[in-house]
C-alpha atoms as a PDB file:
ATOM      1  CA  MET A   1       3.423   7.164 -21.887  1.00  0.00           C
ATOM      2  CA  ASN A   2       6.379   8.015 -19.236  1.00  0.00           C
ATOM      3  CA  ASN A   3       7.332   7.047 -15.916  1.00  0.00           C
ATOM      4  CA  VAL A   4       5.682   9.970 -13.858  1.00  0.00           C
ATOM      5  CA  THR A   5       2.672  10.973 -16.001  1.00  0.00           C
ATOM      6  CA  ALA A   6       1.737   6.607 -15.165  1.00  0.00           C
ATOM      7  CA  ASN A   7       2.631   7.746 -11.631  1.00  0.00           C
ATOM      8  CA  ILE A   8      -0.078  10.103 -11.380  1.00  0.00           C
ATOM      9  CA  LEU A   9      -3.103   8.581 -13.047  1.00  0.00           C
ATOM     10  CA  ARG A  10      -2.804   5.236 -11.206  1.00  0.00           C
ATOM     11  CA  PHE A  11      -2.456   7.910  -7.620  1.00  0.00           C
ATOM     12  CA  PHE A  12      -5.613   9.510  -9.387  1.00  0.00           C
ATOM     13  CA  LEU A  13      -7.697   6.486 -10.124  1.00  0.00           C
ATOM     14  CA  VAL A  14      -6.810   4.187  -7.092  1.00  0.00           C
ATOM     15  CA  ILE A  15      -7.479   7.122  -5.015  1.00  0.00           C
ATOM     16  CA  ILE A  16     -10.891   8.230  -6.948  1.00  0.00           C
ATOM     17  CA  ALA A  17     -11.679   4.121  -6.511  1.00  0.00           C
ATOM     18  CA  GLN A  18     -10.824   4.065  -2.841  1.00  0.00           C
ATOM     19  CA  ILE A  19     -13.278   7.035  -2.108  1.00  0.00           C
ATOM     20  CA  PHE A  20     -15.762   6.714  -3.628  1.00  0.00           C
ATOM     21  CA  VAL A  21     -16.341   2.780  -4.525  1.00  0.00           C
ATOM     22  CA  LEU A  22     -14.250   0.591  -2.134  1.00  0.00           C
ATOM     23  CA  ASN A  23     -15.030   2.507   1.605  1.00  0.00           C
ATOM     24  CA  TYR A  24     -18.780   1.650   0.998  1.00  0.00           C
ATOM     25  CA  ILE A  25     -17.701  -2.052   0.709  1.00  0.00           C
ATOM     26  CA  HIS A  26     -17.487  -3.937   3.738  1.00  0.00           C
ATOM     27  CA  LEU A  27     -16.662  -7.603   4.097  1.00  0.00           C
ATOM     28  CA  PHE A  28     -18.239  -9.680   6.759  1.00  0.00           C
ATOM     29  CA  GLY A  29     -18.959  -6.055   8.175  1.00  0.00           C
ATOM     30  CA  CYS A  30     -15.906  -4.944   8.962  1.00  0.00           C
ATOM     31  CA  VAL A  31     -12.530  -6.024   6.073  1.00  0.00           C
ATOM     32  CA  ASN A  32     -12.561  -3.241   3.956  1.00  0.00           C
ATOM     33  CA  ALA A  33     -10.400  -2.831   0.532  1.00  0.00           C
ATOM     34  CA  TYR A  34      -7.386  -0.008   1.010  1.00  0.00           C
ATOM     35  CA  LEU A  35      -6.590  -0.656  -2.666  1.00  0.00           C
ATOM     36  CA  TYR A  36      -4.967   2.779  -2.332  1.00  0.00           C
ATOM     37  CA  LEU A  37      -2.018   1.568  -1.042  1.00  0.00           C
ATOM     38  CA  LEU A  38      -1.212   0.284  -4.044  1.00  0.00           C
ATOM     39  CA  ALA A  39       0.020   3.291  -5.398  1.00  0.00           C
ATOM     40  CA  LEU A  40       2.594   3.805  -2.852  1.00  0.00           C
ATOM     41  CA  LEU A  41       3.870   0.554  -2.968  1.00  0.00           C
ATOM     42  CA  MET A  42       3.943   1.114  -6.909  1.00  0.00           C
ATOM     43  CA  LEU A  43       6.954   4.300  -6.194  1.00  0.00           C
ATOM     44  CA  PRO A  44       9.839   3.285  -8.389  1.00  0.00           C
ATOM     45  CA  PHE A  45      12.473   2.910  -5.683  1.00  0.00           C
ATOM     46  CA  GLU A  46      14.961   5.896  -7.198  1.00  0.00           C
ATOM     47  CA  VAL A  47      12.562   8.505  -5.451  1.00  0.00           C
ATOM     48  CA  PRO A  48      14.179  10.289  -2.952  1.00  0.00           C
ATOM     49  CA  ARG A  49      13.031   9.022   1.073  1.00  0.00           C
ATOM     50  CA  TRP A  50      11.446  12.857   1.496  1.00  0.00           C
ATOM     51  CA  ILE A  51       9.769  12.298  -1.127  1.00  0.00           C
ATOM     52  CA  GLN A  52       8.108   9.198  -0.490  1.00  0.00           C
ATOM     53  CA  TYR A  53       7.564  10.108   3.336  1.00  0.00           C
ATOM     54  CA  ILE A  54       5.517  13.133   1.887  1.00  0.00           C
ATOM     55  CA  ILE A  55       3.919  11.247  -0.693  1.00  0.00           C
ATOM     56  CA  GLY A  56       2.519   9.242   2.171  1.00  0.00           C
ATOM     57  CA  PHE A  57       1.367  11.460   4.241  1.00  0.00           C
ATOM     58  CA  VAL A  58      -0.751  13.678   1.431  1.00  0.00           C
ATOM     59  CA  THR A  59      -2.148  10.033   0.378  1.00  0.00           C
ATOM     60  CA  GLY A  60      -2.869   9.123   3.886  1.00  0.00           C
ATOM     61  CA  PHE A  61      -4.548  13.003   3.983  1.00  0.00           C
ATOM     62  CA  ILE A  62      -6.760  12.529   1.516  1.00  0.00           C
ATOM     63  CA  ILE A  63      -8.030   9.040   2.332  1.00  0.00           C
ATOM     64  CA  ASP A  64      -8.902  10.559   6.221  1.00  0.00           C
ATOM     65  CA  MET A  65     -10.683  13.453   4.671  1.00  0.00           C
ATOM     66  CA  PHE A  66     -13.345  11.654   2.910  1.00  0.00           C
ATOM     67  CA  THR A  67     -13.062   8.678   5.574  1.00  0.00           C
ATOM     68  CA  MET A  68     -12.953  11.520   8.647  1.00  0.00           C
ATOM     69  CA  THR A  69     -10.612   9.398  10.516  1.00  0.00           C
ATOM     70  CA  TYR A  70      -8.450  12.492  12.149  1.00  0.00           C
ATOM     71  CA  GLY A  71      -4.748  11.491  10.380  1.00  0.00           C
ATOM     72  CA  ILE A  72      -4.685   7.720  11.272  1.00  0.00           C
ATOM     73  CA  HIS A  73      -4.177   7.062   7.814  1.00  0.00           C
ATOM     74  CA  ALA A  74      -1.855   9.617   7.207  1.00  0.00           C
ATOM     75  CA  SER A  75       0.445   8.396   9.971  1.00  0.00           C
ATOM     76  CA  ALA A  76       0.431   4.971   8.696  1.00  0.00           C
ATOM     77  CA  CYS A  77       0.932   5.453   4.968  1.00  0.00           C
ATOM     78  CA  THR A  78       3.571   7.545   6.071  1.00  0.00           C
ATOM     79  CA  LEU A  79       4.422   4.719   8.583  1.00  0.00           C
ATOM     80  CA  MET A  80       4.445   2.263   5.256  1.00  0.00           C
ATOM     81  CA  MET A  81       7.101   4.448   3.548  1.00  0.00           C
ATOM     82  CA  PHE A  82       8.970   5.058   6.381  1.00  0.00           C
ATOM     83  CA  ILE A  83       9.639   1.340   6.381  1.00  0.00           C
ATOM     84  CA  ARG A  84       9.637   0.608   2.879  1.00  0.00           C
ATOM     85  CA  PRO A  85      13.385   0.915   1.951  1.00  0.00           C
ATOM     86  CA  TYR A  86      14.251  -0.807   4.709  1.00  0.00           C
ATOM     87  CA  LEU A  87      12.322  -3.730   3.535  1.00  0.00           C
ATOM     88  CA  VAL A  88      13.305  -3.932  -0.202  1.00  0.00           C
ATOM     89  CA  ILE A  89      16.327  -4.261   1.557  1.00  0.00           C
ATOM     90  CA  ALA A  90      16.103  -7.106   3.754  1.00  0.00           C
ATOM     91  CA  LEU A  91      14.027  -9.295   0.688  1.00  0.00           C
ATOM     92  CA  ASN A  92      16.433  -7.980  -2.100  1.00  0.00           C
ATOM     93  CA  GLY A  93      19.622  -8.892   0.051  1.00  0.00           C
ATOM     94  CA  ARG A  94      21.556  -5.919  -0.808  1.00  0.00           C
ATOM     95  CA  LYS A  95      21.026  -1.938  -1.103  1.00  0.00           C
ATOM     96  CA  THR A  96      18.693  -1.769  -4.321  1.00  0.00           C
ATOM     97  CA  ASP A  97      20.981   1.036  -6.495  1.00  0.00           C
ATOM     98  CA  ASN A  98      19.339   0.050  -9.795  1.00  0.00           C
ATOM     99  CA  VAL A  99      16.966   2.953 -11.046  1.00  0.00           C
ATOM    100  CA  THR A 100      15.421   0.875 -13.385  1.00  0.00           C
ATOM    101  CA  ASP A 101      14.383  -1.817 -10.244  1.00  0.00           C
ATOM    102  CA  LYS A 102      10.668  -0.703  -9.479  1.00  0.00           C
ATOM    103  CA  PRO A 103       8.581  -3.140  -7.836  1.00  0.00           C
ATOM    104  CA  MET A 104       5.830  -4.612 -10.462  1.00  0.00           C
ATOM    105  CA  PRO A 105       5.234  -7.768 -12.531  1.00  0.00           C
ATOM    106  CA  GLY A 106       7.621  -8.789 -15.501  1.00  0.00           C
ATOM    107  CA  ILE A 107      10.569  -6.509 -13.457  1.00  0.00           C
ATOM    108  CA  LYS A 108      10.053  -8.696  -9.493  1.00  0.00           C
ATOM    109  CA  GLU A 109       8.601 -12.099  -9.093  1.00  0.00           C
ATOM    110  CA  PHE A 110       5.290 -13.242  -8.054  1.00  0.00           C
ATOM    111  CA  ARG A 111       7.427 -14.287  -4.298  1.00  0.00           C
ATOM    112  CA  TRP A 112       8.741 -11.148  -4.263  1.00  0.00           C
ATOM    113  CA  LEU A 113       5.932  -8.829  -4.456  1.00  0.00           C
ATOM    114  CA  LEU A 114       3.728 -10.656  -2.539  1.00  0.00           C
ATOM    115  CA  ALA A 115       6.404 -10.636   0.517  1.00  0.00           C
ATOM    116  CA  TYR A 116       6.651  -6.969  -0.379  1.00  0.00           C
ATOM    117  CA  THR A 117       2.776  -5.940  -0.880  1.00  0.00           C
ATOM    118  CA  VAL A 118       1.707  -8.275   2.450  1.00  0.00           C
ATOM    119  CA  ILE A 119       4.257  -7.210   4.717  1.00  0.00           C
ATOM    120  CA  LEU A 120       3.780  -3.128   4.075  1.00  0.00           C
ATOM    121  CA  VAL A 121       0.332  -3.535   4.048  1.00  0.00           C
ATOM    122  CA  PHE A 122       0.266  -5.620   7.384  1.00  0.00           C
ATOM    123  CA  ALA A 123       2.828  -3.103   8.442  1.00  0.00           C
ATOM    124  CA  HIS A 124      -0.240   0.170   7.208  1.00  0.00           C
ATOM    125  CA  GLN A 125      -3.790  -2.060   8.525  1.00  0.00           C
ATOM    126  CA  LEU A 126      -1.493  -2.715  12.130  1.00  0.00           C
ATOM    127  CA  GLU A 127      -1.501   1.307  12.722  1.00  0.00           C
ATOM    128  CA  ALA A 128      -4.721   1.884  11.054  1.00  0.00           C
ATOM    129  CA  VAL A 129      -6.664  -0.448  12.863  1.00  0.00           C
ATOM    130  CA  MET A 130      -4.575   0.058  16.105  1.00  0.00           C
ATOM    131  CA  LEU A 131      -4.519   3.723  16.521  1.00  0.00           C
ATOM    132  CA  GLU A 132      -8.778   3.727  15.281  1.00  0.00           C
ATOM    133  CA  THR A 133     -10.069   0.897  17.857  1.00  0.00           C
ATOM    134  CA  PHE A 134      -7.038   2.167  20.765  1.00  0.00           C
ATOM    135  CA  THR A 135      -8.288  -0.160  22.685  1.00  0.00           C
ATOM    136  CA  PHE A 136      -7.159  -3.570  23.717  1.00  0.00           C
ATOM    137  CA  ARG A 137     -10.622  -4.285  24.891  1.00  0.00           C
ATOM    138  CA  HIS A 138     -11.612  -6.882  21.613  1.00  0.00           C
ATOM    139  CA  PHE A 139      -8.020  -8.081  21.183  1.00  0.00           C
ATOM    140  CA  TRP A 140      -9.348 -11.546  19.140  1.00  0.00           C
ATOM    141  CA  LYS A 141     -11.614  -9.291  17.145  1.00  0.00           C
ATOM    142  CA  THR A 142      -8.257  -6.610  16.363  1.00  0.00           C
ATOM    143  CA  ILE A 143      -6.308  -8.833  15.461  1.00  0.00           C
ATOM    144  CA  LEU A 144      -9.009 -10.850  13.028  1.00  0.00           C
ATOM    145  CA  VAL A 145      -9.957  -7.476  11.519  1.00  0.00           C
ATOM    146  CA  ILE A 146      -5.667  -6.704  11.010  1.00  0.00           C
ATOM    147  CA  ILE A 147      -5.287  -9.958   9.038  1.00  0.00           C
ATOM    148  CA  GLY A 148      -8.819 -10.358   6.902  1.00  0.00           C
ATOM    149  CA  ASN A 149      -8.182  -6.253   5.895  1.00  0.00           C
ATOM    150  CA  THR A 150      -4.534  -7.655   5.245  1.00  0.00           C
ATOM    151  CA  VAL A 151      -5.175 -10.373   3.261  1.00  0.00           C
ATOM    152  CA  PHE A 152      -8.177  -8.704   1.033  1.00  0.00           C
ATOM    153  CA  SER A 153      -6.073  -5.830   0.296  1.00  0.00           C
ATOM    154  CA  SER A 154      -3.361  -7.987  -0.840  1.00  0.00           C
ATOM    155  CA  LEU A 155      -5.205 -10.138  -3.023  1.00  0.00           C
ATOM    156  CA  VAL A 156      -6.835  -7.111  -4.915  1.00  0.00           C
ATOM    157  CA  ILE A 157      -3.553  -4.896  -4.913  1.00  0.00           C
ATOM    158  CA  LEU A 158      -2.006  -8.285  -5.945  1.00  0.00           C
ATOM    159  CA  CYS A 159      -4.852  -8.859  -8.133  1.00  0.00           C
ATOM    160  CA  CYS A 160      -4.341  -5.058 -10.094  1.00  0.00           C
ATOM    161  CA  GLU A 161      -1.064  -5.039 -10.788  1.00  0.00           C
ATOM    162  CA  TYR A 162      -1.566  -7.976 -12.900  1.00  0.00           C
ATOM    163  CA  ILE A 163      -3.879  -7.610 -14.660  1.00  0.00           C
ATOM    164  CA  PHE A 164      -3.292  -3.792 -15.516  1.00  0.00           C
ATOM    165  CA  VAL A 165       0.346  -3.357 -15.237  1.00  0.00           C
ATOM    166  CA  PRO A 166       1.816  -5.275 -18.523  1.00  0.00           C
ATOM    167  CA  VAL A 167       3.966  -8.234 -17.519  1.00  0.00           C
ATOM    168  CA  LYS A 168       7.407  -7.417 -19.217  1.00  0.00           C
ATOM    169  CA  LYS A 169      10.225 -10.379 -18.674  1.00  0.00           C
ATOM    170  CA  HIS A 170      13.680  -7.965 -18.298  1.00  0.00           C
ATOM    171  CA  ASN A 171      16.584  -9.720 -17.708  1.00  0.00           C
END
């Protein structure tokens, strides 16, 4: 299966899982897993930025349509796609021009994937939760929800990456 087909299939599978299963699972009544971010995190680096923005917006918009959140996820996913190239440069210590470079297990080491996933999921959750609550009235509860969602979503995403992506070491 070629790269484009694999990305499209992964996109539809995680969106379906998010809409029909994960949106109904609430850990401790307020912590949710956002597996659909996996489709955005695993996009190849060679995809042009403007296409990444469109993919991020459309993905968030689809989630917004099914959760009735009125643009919150579209905005957060677009922000995540905006931050992504700068984070990759910061984590690599250089600009990545290698087209075979992909954010996948076996290609990137675990520490790199952990930092990449946690930072981007945190940025997404910070914007999504702050837009959803839109108040500082329960500041510490909001911070706990952001941290809880980030940890839980990152754990689910990393587990899915290592379970479903075949690990092949590239030199």
